[in-house]
Amino acid sequence: MTSLDDMAAGIAACIRCPALVASRTHTVPGEFPNGAELLLVGEGPGAHEDLAGRPFVGRSGALLDSLLLEVRMPRQEVAVANVVKCRPPQNRAPTRVEVDNCRPWLDQQLSRSAPRVVVAMGSTAVAWFFGRNSRISDLRGAAHQVDGRHVVATYHPSAALRFGPKGAPRAALHDDLALAVSLCRRT
């Protein structure tokens, strides 16, 4: 089986999506601490992530880090990845072709890291796990079995930022992260 480091090198060399290759500064393969039981999956890198080569380092990442501390799961204990590994231009949503081109990378990362629980954050990640017509509002608040693991669907941290600190997406994201952490801690 390919190691996560080998996958990161393969992702960096990937040229399947010409528009993404032309506009990227760095690929963002994700972060996978040893023994992480929780994997957070977002849509794709934003501008800050593209510059840093790391997932969730901008405003969405700061909110995510804060919420993780609130649910007593420090970021350094959590694996984090995206559906696509390169920033779509102007932070647009990834196209179906881009998602399909990147699918083998996330499949391998799931297989290799073997998280007990996955949190799919945002519509692109939710569609990746549950199908294109899936709606976050219909799925969130519960754990679903997908390919033998718990998957929790929730809003993306950027949605929580758009609606503000008292908005429903932030509260839902917090509650869904708490659910995911509780699932990780069950024996």
C-alpha atoms as a PDB file:
ATOM      1  CA  MET A   1       0.000   0.000   0.000  1.00  0.00           C
ATOM      2  CA  THR A   2       1.232   3.500  -0.811  1.00  0.00           C
ATOM      3  CA  SER A   3       2.255   5.584   2.199  1.00  0.00           C
ATOM      4  CA  LEU A   4       0.648   8.946   2.884  1.00  0.00           C
ATOM      5  CA  ASP A   5       4.004  10.629   2.160  1.00  0.00           C
ATOM      6  CA  ASP A   6       4.212   8.878  -1.218  1.00  0.00           C
ATOM      7  CA  MET A   7       0.657  10.015  -1.940  1.00  0.00           C
ATOM      8  CA  ALA A   8       1.612  13.608  -1.127  1.00  0.00           C
ATOM      9  CA  ALA A   9       4.445  13.372  -3.653  1.00  0.00           C
ATOM     10  CA  GLY A  10       2.073  11.878  -6.222  1.00  0.00           C
ATOM     11  CA  ILE A  11      -0.464  14.641  -5.601  1.00  0.00           C
ATOM     12  CA  ALA A  12       2.246  17.280  -6.058  1.00  0.00           C
ATOM     13  CA  ALA A  13       3.108  15.752  -9.442  1.00  0.00           C
ATOM     14  CA  CYS A  14      -0.520  15.361 -10.566  1.00  0.00           C
ATOM     15  CA  ILE A  15      -1.504  17.134 -13.798  1.00  0.00           C
ATOM     16  CA  ARG A  16      -4.998  15.670 -14.363  1.00  0.00           C
ATOM     17  CA  CYS A  17      -6.760  19.062 -14.119  1.00  0.00           C
ATOM     18  CA  PRO A  18      -5.023  21.581 -16.409  1.00  0.00           C
ATOM     19  CA  ALA A  19      -6.935  24.621 -15.060  1.00  0.00           C
ATOM     20  CA  LEU A  20      -6.021  23.755 -11.475  1.00  0.00           C
ATOM     21  CA  VAL A  21      -2.412  22.974 -12.323  1.00  0.00           C
ATOM     22  CA  ALA A  22      -2.061  26.323 -14.114  1.00  0.00           C
ATOM     23  CA  SER A  23      -3.397  28.327 -11.186  1.00  0.00           C
ATOM     24  CA  ARG A  24      -2.025  26.491  -8.147  1.00  0.00           C
ATOM     25  CA  THR A  25       0.900  27.612  -6.031  1.00  0.00           C
ATOM     26  CA  HIS A  26       1.023  24.370  -4.030  1.00  0.00           C
ATOM     27  CA  THR A  27      -1.001  21.212  -3.868  1.00  0.00           C
ATOM     28  CA  VAL A  28      -2.669  20.597  -0.529  1.00  0.00           C
ATOM     29  CA  PRO A  29      -2.559  16.842   0.123  1.00  0.00           C
ATOM     30  CA  GLY A  30      -3.836  17.074   3.685  1.00  0.00           C
ATOM     31  CA  GLU A  31      -2.518  16.298   7.137  1.00  0.00           C
ATOM     32  CA  PHE A  32      -2.696  12.869   8.719  1.00  0.00           C
ATOM     33  CA  PRO A  33      -1.317  12.604  12.262  1.00  0.00           C
ATOM     34  CA  ASN A  34      -0.454   9.059  13.303  1.00  0.00           C
ATOM     35  CA  GLY A  35      -3.376   7.377  14.996  1.00  0.00           C
ATOM     36  CA  ALA A  36      -5.946  10.055  14.108  1.00  0.00           C
ATOM     37  CA  GLU A  37      -9.391   8.519  14.459  1.00  0.00           C
ATOM     38  CA  LEU A  38     -11.184  11.553  13.045  1.00  0.00           C
ATOM     39  CA  LEU A  39     -10.825  12.822   9.468  1.00  0.00           C
ATOM     40  CA  LEU A  40     -12.328  16.147   8.431  1.00  0.00           C
ATOM     41  CA  VAL A  41     -12.924  16.490   4.683  1.00  0.00           C
ATOM     42  CA  GLY A  42     -13.556  19.877   3.091  1.00  0.00           C
ATOM     43  CA  GLU A  43     -14.190  20.975  -0.475  1.00  0.00           C
ATOM     44  CA  GLY A  44     -10.839  22.251  -1.722  1.00  0.00           C
ATOM     45  CA  PRO A  45      -8.034  24.608  -0.782  1.00  0.00           C
ATOM     46  CA  GLY A  46      -8.614  28.348  -0.630  1.00  0.00           C
ATOM     47  CA  ALA A  47      -6.085  31.101  -1.257  1.00  0.00           C
ATOM     48  CA  HIS A  48      -4.360  30.782   2.137  1.00  0.00           C
ATOM     49  CA  GLU A  49      -4.174  27.004   1.824  1.00  0.00           C
ATOM     50  CA  ASP A  50      -2.775  27.250  -1.702  1.00  0.00           C
ATOM     51  CA  LEU A  51       0.008  29.522  -0.447  1.00  0.00           C
ATOM     52  CA  ALA A  52       0.779  27.399   2.612  1.00  0.00           C
ATOM     53  CA  GLY A  53       0.277  23.936   1.100  1.00  0.00           C
ATOM     54  CA  ARG A  54      -1.785  23.032   4.192  1.00  0.00           C
ATOM     55  CA  PRO A  55      -5.547  22.596   4.661  1.00  0.00           C
ATOM     56  CA  PHE A  56      -7.699  24.986   6.680  1.00  0.00           C
ATOM     57  CA  VAL A  57      -5.159  27.663   7.592  1.00  0.00           C
ATOM     58  CA  GLY A  58      -7.238  30.756   6.730  1.00  0.00           C
ATOM     59  CA  ARG A  59     -10.298  32.187   8.494  1.00  0.00           C
ATOM     60  CA  SER A  60     -12.225  28.932   8.051  1.00  0.00           C
ATOM     61  CA  GLY A  61      -9.327  27.069   9.614  1.00  0.00           C
ATOM     62  CA  ALA A  62      -9.198  29.435  12.583  1.00  0.00           C
ATOM     63  CA  LEU A  63     -12.909  28.846  13.200  1.00  0.00           C
ATOM     64  CA  LEU A  64     -12.468  25.102  12.774  1.00  0.00           C
ATOM     65  CA  ASP A  65      -9.577  25.066  15.264  1.00  0.00           C
ATOM     66  CA  SER A  66     -11.696  26.999  17.756  1.00  0.00           C
ATOM     67  CA  LEU A  67     -14.658  24.650  17.368  1.00  0.00           C
ATOM     68  CA  LEU A  68     -12.412  21.609  17.740  1.00  0.00           C
ATOM     69  CA  LEU A  69     -11.113  22.999  21.038  1.00  0.00           C
ATOM     70  CA  GLU A  70     -14.712  23.584  22.169  1.00  0.00           C
ATOM     71  CA  VAL A  71     -15.479  19.889  21.582  1.00  0.00           C
ATOM     72  CA  ARG A  72     -12.197  18.865  23.245  1.00  0.00           C
ATOM     73  CA  MET A  73     -10.403  17.522  20.184  1.00  0.00           C
ATOM     74  CA  PRO A  74      -7.205  19.449  19.438  1.00  0.00           C
ATOM     75  CA  ARG A  75      -6.440  19.994  15.763  1.00  0.00           C
ATOM     76  CA  GLN A  76      -3.091  18.190  16.025  1.00  0.00           C
ATOM     77  CA  GLU A  77      -5.007  14.964  16.779  1.00  0.00           C
ATOM     78  CA  VAL A  78      -7.279  15.279  13.729  1.00  0.00           C
ATOM     79  CA  ALA A  79      -6.600  14.335  10.113  1.00  0.00           C
ATOM     80  CA  VAL A  80      -7.706  16.970   7.606  1.00  0.00           C
ATOM     81  CA  ALA A  81      -8.053  16.708   3.826  1.00  0.00           C
ATOM     82  CA  ASN A  82     -10.083  18.062   0.939  1.00  0.00           C
ATOM     83  CA  VAL A  83     -11.995  16.466  -1.909  1.00  0.00           C
ATOM     84  CA  VAL A  84      -9.730  18.234  -4.413  1.00  0.00           C
ATOM     85  CA  LYS A  85      -6.090  18.875  -3.675  1.00  0.00           C
ATOM     86  CA  CYS A  86      -5.601  22.061  -5.743  1.00  0.00           C
ATOM     87  CA  ARG A  87      -7.299  25.434  -5.369  1.00  0.00           C
ATOM     88  CA  PRO A  88     -10.015  26.047  -7.932  1.00  0.00           C
ATOM     89  CA  PRO A  89      -9.552  29.505  -9.529  1.00  0.00           C
ATOM     90  CA  GLN A  90     -11.414  32.312  -7.732  1.00  0.00           C
ATOM     91  CA  ASN A  91     -12.345  29.787  -5.021  1.00  0.00           C
ATOM     92  CA  ARG A  92     -15.133  28.405  -7.198  1.00  0.00           C
ATOM     93  CA  ALA A  93     -16.593  25.013  -6.395  1.00  0.00           C
ATOM     94  CA  PRO A  94     -14.711  22.115  -7.987  1.00  0.00           C
ATOM     95  CA  THR A  95     -16.230  20.758 -11.179  1.00  0.00           C
ATOM     96  CA  ARG A  96     -17.453  17.159 -11.400  1.00  0.00           C
ATOM     97  CA  VAL A  97     -14.468  16.325 -13.608  1.00  0.00           C
ATOM     98  CA  GLU A  98     -12.054  17.783 -11.028  1.00  0.00           C
ATOM     99  CA  VAL A  99     -13.755  15.858  -8.228  1.00  0.00           C
ATOM    100  CA  ASP A 100     -13.608  12.655 -10.302  1.00  0.00           C
ATOM    101  CA  ASN A 101      -9.940  13.267 -11.154  1.00  0.00           C
ATOM    102  CA  CYS A 102      -9.075  13.662  -7.463  1.00  0.00           C
ATOM    103  CA  ARG A 103     -11.297  10.813  -6.237  1.00  0.00           C
ATOM    104  CA  PRO A 104      -8.478   8.211  -6.266  1.00  0.00           C
ATOM    105  CA  TRP A 105      -6.358  10.398  -3.964  1.00  0.00           C
ATOM    106  CA  LEU A 106      -9.033  10.716  -1.282  1.00  0.00           C
ATOM    107  CA  ASP A 107      -9.954   7.028  -1.686  1.00  0.00           C
ATOM    108  CA  GLN A 108      -6.330   6.098  -0.981  1.00  0.00           C
ATOM    109  CA  GLN A 109      -6.079   8.533   1.921  1.00  0.00           C
ATOM    110  CA  LEU A 110      -9.209   7.045   3.507  1.00  0.00           C
ATOM    111  CA  SER A 111      -7.867   3.539   3.030  1.00  0.00           C
ATOM    112  CA  ARG A 112      -4.400   4.307   4.367  1.00  0.00           C
ATOM    113  CA  SER A 113      -5.350   6.528   7.308  1.00  0.00           C
ATOM    114  CA  ALA A 114      -8.355   4.338   8.285  1.00  0.00           C
ATOM    115  CA  PRO A 115     -10.240   6.903  10.392  1.00  0.00           C
ATOM    116  CA  ARG A 116     -13.054   5.645  12.606  1.00  0.00           C
ATOM    117  CA  VAL A 117     -15.131   8.724  11.826  1.00  0.00           C
ATOM    118  CA  VAL A 118     -15.224  11.135   8.885  1.00  0.00           C
ATOM    119  CA  VAL A 119     -16.840  14.569   8.910  1.00  0.00           C
ATOM    120  CA  ALA A 120     -17.851  15.708   5.415  1.00  0.00           C
ATOM    121  CA  MET A 121     -17.899  19.514   5.555  1.00  0.00           C
ATOM    122  CA  GLY A 122     -19.820  21.357   2.859  1.00  0.00           C
ATOM    123  CA  SER A 123     -21.825  20.328  -0.175  1.00  0.00           C
ATOM    124  CA  THR A 124     -18.895  19.079  -2.277  1.00  0.00           C
ATOM    125  CA  ALA A 125     -17.652  16.764   0.482  1.00  0.00           C
ATOM    126  CA  VAL A 126     -21.188  15.629   1.321  1.00  0.00           C
ATOM    127  CA  ALA A 127     -21.812  14.815  -2.360  1.00  0.00           C
ATOM    128  CA  TRP A 128     -18.509  12.887  -2.479  1.00  0.00           C
ATOM    129  CA  PHE A 129     -19.691  10.546   0.284  1.00  0.00           C
ATOM    130  CA  PHE A 130     -23.476  10.486  -0.229  1.00  0.00           C
ATOM    131  CA  GLY A 131     -24.077  11.270  -3.909  1.00  0.00           C
ATOM    132  CA  ARG A 132     -24.705  14.407  -5.950  1.00  0.00           C
ATOM    133  CA  ASN A 133     -28.289  15.030  -4.874  1.00  0.00           C
ATOM    134  CA  SER A 134     -27.561  14.804  -1.143  1.00  0.00           C
ATOM    135  CA  ARG A 135     -28.497  17.732   1.057  1.00  0.00           C
ATOM    136  CA  ILE A 136     -26.607  18.663   4.201  1.00  0.00           C
ATOM    137  CA  SER A 137     -29.827  19.636   5.965  1.00  0.00           C
ATOM    138  CA  ASP A 138     -31.261  16.153   5.359  1.00  0.00           C
ATOM    139  CA  LEU A 139     -28.147  14.312   6.578  1.00  0.00           C
ATOM    140  CA  ARG A 140     -26.590  16.358   9.361  1.00  0.00           C
ATOM    141  CA  GLY A 141     -27.078  15.626  13.037  1.00  0.00           C
ATOM    142  CA  ALA A 142     -26.533  11.876  12.687  1.00  0.00           C
ATOM    143  CA  ALA A 143     -23.809   9.408  11.812  1.00  0.00           C
ATOM    144  CA  HIS A 144     -24.265   7.362   8.645  1.00  0.00           C
ATOM    145  CA  GLN A 145     -22.435   4.222   7.626  1.00  0.00           C
ATOM    146  CA  VAL A 146     -20.509   4.696   4.388  1.00  0.00           C
ATOM    147  CA  ASP A 147     -18.065   1.996   3.300  1.00  0.00           C
ATOM    148  CA  GLY A 148     -17.826   0.616   6.829  1.00  0.00           C
ATOM    149  CA  ARG A 149     -17.144   3.862   8.682  1.00  0.00           C
ATOM    150  CA  HIS A 150     -19.179   6.562  10.378  1.00  0.00           C
ATOM    151  CA  VAL A 151     -19.641   9.666   8.229  1.00  0.00           C
ATOM    152  CA  VAL A 152     -21.162  12.835   9.643  1.00  0.00           C
ATOM    153  CA  ALA A 153     -22.381  15.457   7.153  1.00  0.00           C
ATOM    154  CA  THR A 154     -22.215  19.103   8.162  1.00  0.00           C
ATOM    155  CA  TYR A 155     -21.753  22.665   6.997  1.00  0.00           C
ATOM    156  CA  HIS A 156     -18.395  24.011   5.882  1.00  0.00           C
ATOM    157  CA  PRO A 157     -16.709  26.458   8.263  1.00  0.00           C
ATOM    158  CA  SER A 158     -16.953  29.140   5.542  1.00  0.00           C
ATOM    159  CA  ALA A 159     -20.766  28.886   5.740  1.00  0.00           C
ATOM    160  CA  ALA A 160     -20.548  29.357   9.498  1.00  0.00           C
ATOM    161  CA  LEU A 161     -18.448  32.489   8.926  1.00  0.00           C
ATOM    162  CA  ARG A 162     -20.921  33.898   6.391  1.00  0.00           C
ATOM    163  CA  PHE A 163     -23.844  33.540   8.803  1.00  0.00           C
ATOM    164  CA  GLY A 164     -21.936  34.853  11.824  1.00  0.00           C
ATOM    165  CA  PRO A 165     -21.246  33.571  15.334  1.00  0.00           C
ATOM    166  CA  LYS A 166     -24.931  33.201  16.216  1.00  0.00           C
ATOM    167  CA  GLY A 167     -25.915  31.636  12.878  1.00  0.00           C
ATOM    168  CA  ALA A 168     -27.433  28.191  12.465  1.00  0.00           C
ATOM    169  CA  PRO A 169     -24.520  26.774  10.380  1.00  0.00           C
ATOM    170  CA  ARG A 170     -22.007  27.529  13.158  1.00  0.00           C
ATOM    171  CA  ALA A 171     -24.185  25.870  15.809  1.00  0.00           C
ATOM    172  CA  ALA A 172     -24.787  22.871  13.551  1.00  0.00           C
ATOM    173  CA  LEU A 173     -21.070  22.548  12.747  1.00  0.00           C
ATOM    174  CA  HIS A 174     -20.259  22.639  16.460  1.00  0.00           C
ATOM    175  CA  ASP A 175     -22.889  19.999  17.261  1.00  0.00           C
ATOM    176  CA  ASP A 176     -21.798  17.756  14.382  1.00  0.00           C
ATOM    177  CA  LEU A 177     -18.145  17.971  15.422  1.00  0.00           C
ATOM    178  CA  ALA A 178     -19.191  17.079  18.984  1.00  0.00           C
ATOM    179  CA  LEU A 179     -21.088  14.063  17.617  1.00  0.00           C
ATOM    180  CA  ALA A 180     -18.050  12.951  15.611  1.00  0.00           C
ATOM    181  CA  VAL A 181     -15.755  13.282  18.622  1.00  0.00           C
ATOM    182  CA  SER A 182     -18.189  11.283  20.772  1.00  0.00           C
ATOM    183  CA  LEU A 183     -18.166   8.514  18.146  1.00  0.00           C
ATOM    184  CA  CYS A 184     -14.360   8.440  18.199  1.00  0.00           C
ATOM    185  CA  ARG A 185     -14.331   8.069  21.960  1.00  0.00           C
ATOM    186  CA  ARG A 186     -16.769   5.168  22.086  1.00  0.00           C
ATOM    187  CA  THR A 187     -15.118   1.803  22.556  1.00  0.00           C
END
